[in-house]
PDB file of N, CA and C in Angstrom:
ATOM      1  N   MET A   1      -5.205  14.375   4.980  1.00  0.00           N
ATOM      2  CA  MET A   1      -5.407  12.965   5.194  1.00  0.00           C
ATOM      3  C   MET A   1      -5.805  12.685   6.635  1.00  0.00           C
ATOM      4  N   THR A   2      -6.400  13.668   7.233  1.00  0.00           N
ATOM      5  CA  THR A   2      -6.856  13.498   8.603  1.00  0.00           C
ATOM      6  C   THR A   2      -8.321  13.108   8.627  1.00  0.00           C
ATOM      7  N   LYS A   3      -8.788  12.688   9.773  1.00  0.00           N
ATOM      8  CA  LYS A   3     -10.176  12.262   9.932  1.00  0.00           C
ATOM      9  C   LYS A   3     -11.123  13.374   9.467  1.00  0.00           C
ATOM     10  N   GLY A   4     -12.031  12.988   8.590  1.00  0.00           N
ATOM     11  CA  GLY A   4     -12.986  13.958   8.076  1.00  0.00           C
ATOM     12  C   GLY A   4     -12.488  14.737   6.875  1.00  0.00           C
ATOM     13  N   GLY A   5     -11.218  14.564   6.521  1.00  0.00           N
ATOM     14  CA  GLY A   5     -10.650  15.270   5.376  1.00  0.00           C
ATOM     15  C   GLY A   5     -11.026  14.615   4.060  1.00  0.00           C
ATOM     16  N   LYS A   6     -10.687  15.270   2.982  1.00  0.00           N
ATOM     17  CA  LYS A   6     -11.017  14.816   1.635  1.00  0.00           C
ATOM     18  C   LYS A   6     -10.491  13.407   1.340  1.00  0.00           C
ATOM     19  N   TYR A   7      -9.316  13.077   1.855  1.00  0.00           N
ATOM     20  CA  TYR A   7      -8.690  11.785   1.555  1.00  0.00           C
ATOM     21  C   TYR A   7      -8.673  10.835   2.751  1.00  0.00           C
ATOM     22  N   ALA A   8      -9.571  11.029   3.670  1.00  0.00           N
ATOM     23  CA  ALA A   8      -9.581  10.226   4.896  1.00  0.00           C
ATOM     24  C   ALA A   8      -9.862   8.756   4.635  1.00  0.00           C
ATOM     25  N   GLY A   9     -10.579   8.420   3.592  1.00  0.00           N
ATOM     26  CA  GLY A   9     -10.980   7.039   3.366  1.00  0.00           C
ATOM     27  C   GLY A   9     -10.096   6.241   2.428  1.00  0.00           C
ATOM     28  N   ASN A  10      -9.108   6.861   1.819  1.00  0.00           N
ATOM     29  CA  ASN A  10      -8.327   6.137   0.818  1.00  0.00           C
ATOM     30  C   ASN A  10      -6.992   5.618   1.364  1.00  0.00           C
ATOM     31  N   LYS A  11      -7.088   4.916   2.469  1.00  0.00           N
ATOM     32  CA  LYS A  11      -5.892   4.334   3.082  1.00  0.00           C
ATOM     33  C   LYS A  11      -6.140   2.849   3.306  1.00  0.00           C
ATOM     34  N   GLU A  12      -5.069   2.087   3.301  1.00  0.00           N
ATOM     35  CA  GLU A  12      -5.186   0.669   3.588  1.00  0.00           C
ATOM     36  C   GLU A  12      -3.913   0.220   4.288  1.00  0.00           C
ATOM     37  N   LEU A  13      -4.074  -0.425   5.418  1.00  0.00           N
ATOM     38  CA  LEU A  13      -2.938  -0.972   6.139  1.00  0.00           C
ATOM     39  C   LEU A  13      -2.578  -2.311   5.503  1.00  0.00           C
ATOM     40  N   LEU A  14      -1.342  -2.438   5.094  1.00  0.00           N
ATOM     41  CA  LEU A  14      -0.880  -3.657   4.444  1.00  0.00           C
ATOM     42  C   LEU A  14       0.234  -4.252   5.288  1.00  0.00           C
ATOM     43  N   ILE A  15      -0.035  -5.371   5.913  1.00  0.00           N
ATOM     44  CA  ILE A  15       0.942  -6.041   6.761  1.00  0.00           C
ATOM     45  C   ILE A  15       1.508  -7.230   6.004  1.00  0.00           C
ATOM     46  N   ILE A  16       2.820  -7.282   5.903  1.00  0.00           N
ATOM     47  CA  ILE A  16       3.488  -8.373   5.210  1.00  0.00           C
ATOM     48  C   ILE A  16       4.203  -9.201   6.269  1.00  0.00           C
ATOM     49  N   PRO A  17       3.690 -10.403   6.522  1.00  0.00           N
ATOM     50  CA  PRO A  17       4.236 -11.240   7.590  1.00  0.00           C
ATOM     51  C   PRO A  17       5.738 -11.493   7.427  1.00  0.00           C
ATOM     52  N   ASN A  18       6.442 -11.423   8.523  1.00  0.00           N
ATOM     53  CA  ASN A  18       7.880 -11.709   8.578  1.00  0.00           C
ATOM     54  C   ASN A  18       8.734 -10.759   7.754  1.00  0.00           C
ATOM     55  N   ALA A  19       8.235  -9.573   7.454  1.00  0.00           N
ATOM     56  CA  ALA A  19       9.012  -8.591   6.701  1.00  0.00           C
ATOM     57  C   ALA A  19       9.274  -7.369   7.569  1.00  0.00           C
ATOM     58  N   VAL A  20      10.404  -6.746   7.334  1.00  0.00           N
ATOM     59  CA  VAL A  20      10.715  -5.473   7.973  1.00  0.00           C
ATOM     60  C   VAL A  20      10.713  -4.408   6.886  1.00  0.00           C
ATOM     61  N   HIS A  21      10.744  -3.159   7.302  1.00  0.00           N
ATOM     62  CA  HIS A  21      10.623  -2.047   6.355  1.00  0.00           C
ATOM     63  C   HIS A  21      11.614  -2.164   5.194  1.00  0.00           C
ATOM     64  N   THR A  22      12.855  -2.468   5.473  1.00  0.00           N
ATOM     65  CA  THR A  22      13.866  -2.492   4.411  1.00  0.00           C
ATOM     66  C   THR A  22      13.700  -3.666   3.452  1.00  0.00           C
ATOM     67  N   ASP A  23      12.982  -4.700   3.842  1.00  0.00           N
ATOM     68  CA  ASP A  23      12.719  -5.817   2.928  1.00  0.00           C
ATOM     69  C   ASP A  23      11.940  -5.348   1.706  1.00  0.00           C
ATOM     70  N   LEU A  24      11.156  -4.308   1.870  1.00  0.00           N
ATOM     71  CA  LEU A  24      10.308  -3.858   0.775  1.00  0.00           C
ATOM     72  C   LEU A  24      11.069  -3.061  -0.276  1.00  0.00           C
ATOM     73  N   TYR A  25      12.366  -2.921  -0.113  1.00  0.00           N
ATOM     74  CA  TYR A  25      13.190  -2.272  -1.133  1.00  0.00           C
ATOM     75  C   TYR A  25      13.738  -3.271  -2.146  1.00  0.00           C
ATOM     76  N   ASP A  26      14.084  -4.450  -1.705  1.00  0.00           N
ATOM     77  CA  ASP A  26      14.780  -5.349  -2.633  1.00  0.00           C
ATOM     78  C   ASP A  26      14.339  -6.807  -2.603  1.00  0.00           C
ATOM     79  N   ARG A  27      13.414  -7.164  -1.744  1.00  0.00           N
ATOM     80  CA  ARG A  27      12.940  -8.551  -1.717  1.00  0.00           C
ATOM     81  C   ARG A  27      11.690  -8.663  -2.577  1.00  0.00           C
ATOM     82  N   LEU A  28      11.918  -8.784  -3.873  1.00  0.00           N
ATOM     83  CA  LEU A  28      10.815  -8.783  -4.822  1.00  0.00           C
ATOM     84  C   LEU A  28       9.837  -9.925  -4.595  1.00  0.00           C
ATOM     85  N   ASP A  29      10.301 -10.986  -3.962  1.00  0.00           N
ATOM     86  CA  ASP A  29       9.430 -12.134  -3.725  1.00  0.00           C
ATOM     87  C   ASP A  29       8.364 -11.870  -2.656  1.00  0.00           C
ATOM     88  N   ILE A  30       8.534 -10.845  -1.843  1.00  0.00           N
ATOM     89  CA  ILE A  30       7.541 -10.582  -0.799  1.00  0.00           C
ATOM     90  C   ILE A  30       6.752  -9.295  -1.020  1.00  0.00           C
ATOM     91  N   ILE A  31       7.141  -8.496  -1.981  1.00  0.00           N
ATOM     92  CA  ILE A  31       6.436  -7.245  -2.241  1.00  0.00           C
ATOM     93  C   ILE A  31       5.104  -7.562  -2.922  1.00  0.00           C
ATOM     94  N   PRO A  32       3.992  -7.140  -2.342  1.00  0.00           N
ATOM     95  CA  PRO A  32       2.671  -7.454  -2.908  1.00  0.00           C
ATOM     96  C   PRO A  32       2.285  -6.485  -4.032  1.00  0.00           C
ATOM     97  N   PHE A  33       2.942  -6.631  -5.164  1.00  0.00           N
ATOM     98  CA  PHE A  33       2.729  -5.714  -6.277  1.00  0.00           C
ATOM     99  C   PHE A  33       1.269  -5.657  -6.712  1.00  0.00           C
ATOM    100  N   ASP A  34       0.563  -6.769  -6.673  1.00  0.00           N
ATOM    101  CA  ASP A  34      -0.836  -6.785  -7.095  1.00  0.00           C
ATOM    102  C   ASP A  34      -1.706  -5.909  -6.191  1.00  0.00           C
ATOM    103  N   LYS A  35      -1.463  -5.958  -4.884  1.00  0.00           N
ATOM    104  CA  LYS A  35      -2.223  -5.118  -3.953  1.00  0.00           C
ATOM    105  C   LYS A  35      -1.890  -3.636  -4.148  1.00  0.00           C
ATOM    106  N   ILE A  36      -0.615  -3.347  -4.372  1.00  0.00           N
ATOM    107  CA  ILE A  36      -0.194  -1.958  -4.573  1.00  0.00           C
ATOM    108  C   ILE A  36      -0.790  -1.405  -5.864  1.00  0.00           C
ATOM    109  N   GLU A  37      -0.726  -2.181  -6.923  1.00  0.00           N
ATOM    110  CA  GLU A  37      -1.290  -1.754  -8.208  1.00  0.00           C
ATOM    111  C   GLU A  37      -2.794  -1.506  -8.099  1.00  0.00           C
ATOM    112  N   SER A  38      -3.490  -2.410  -7.435  1.00  0.00           N
ATOM    113  CA  SER A  38      -4.934  -2.260  -7.265  1.00  0.00           C
ATOM    114  C   SER A  38      -5.262  -0.987  -6.482  1.00  0.00           C
ATOM    115  N   PHE A  39      -4.505  -0.725  -5.417  1.00  0.00           N
ATOM    116  CA  PHE A  39      -4.729   0.487  -4.616  1.00  0.00           C
ATOM    117  C   PHE A  39      -4.511   1.744  -5.465  1.00  0.00           C
ATOM    118  N   PHE A  40      -3.433   1.778  -6.248  1.00  0.00           N
ATOM    119  CA  PHE A  40      -3.159   2.945  -7.088  1.00  0.00           C
ATOM    120  C   PHE A  40      -4.253   3.143  -8.133  1.00  0.00           C
ATOM    121  N   LYS A  41      -4.688   2.060  -8.752  1.00  0.00           N
ATOM    122  CA  LYS A  41      -5.745   2.178  -9.772  1.00  0.00           C
ATOM    123  C   LYS A  41      -7.042   2.702  -9.172  1.00  0.00           C
ATOM    124  N   THR A  42      -7.366   2.225  -7.988  1.00  0.00           N
ATOM    125  CA  THR A  42      -8.603   2.634  -7.335  1.00  0.00           C
ATOM    126  C   THR A  42      -8.541   4.077  -6.841  1.00  0.00           C
ATOM    127  N   ASN A  43      -7.418   4.473  -6.256  1.00  0.00           N
ATOM    128  CA  ASN A  43      -7.350   5.771  -5.594  1.00  0.00           C
ATOM    129  C   ASN A  43      -6.653   6.869  -6.374  1.00  0.00           C
ATOM    130  N   LEU A  44      -5.867   6.505  -7.365  1.00  0.00           N
ATOM    131  CA  LEU A  44      -5.167   7.539  -8.142  1.00  0.00           C
ATOM    132  C   LEU A  44      -5.606   7.572  -9.604  1.00  0.00           C
ATOM    133  N   GLY A  45      -6.434   6.630  -9.989  1.00  0.00           N
ATOM    134  CA  GLY A  45      -6.882   6.581 -11.361  1.00  0.00           C
ATOM    135  C   GLY A  45      -5.785   6.229 -12.349  1.00  0.00           C
ATOM    136  N   VAL A  46      -4.784   5.516 -11.877  1.00  0.00           N
ATOM    137  CA  VAL A  46      -3.642   5.135 -12.729  1.00  0.00           C
ATOM    138  C   VAL A  46      -4.007   3.938 -13.558  1.00  0.00           C
TER     139      VAL A  46
END
């Protein structure tokens, strides 16, 4: 996943305003499930 590697282009920085890392474990109201699902479908073929 380094520059020039096979998977170098399949990354996306997702910033969730006013959230900290641990919020993404249990604050279902702020987790961007639609963005995550779209990323997985595009890059993992799920």
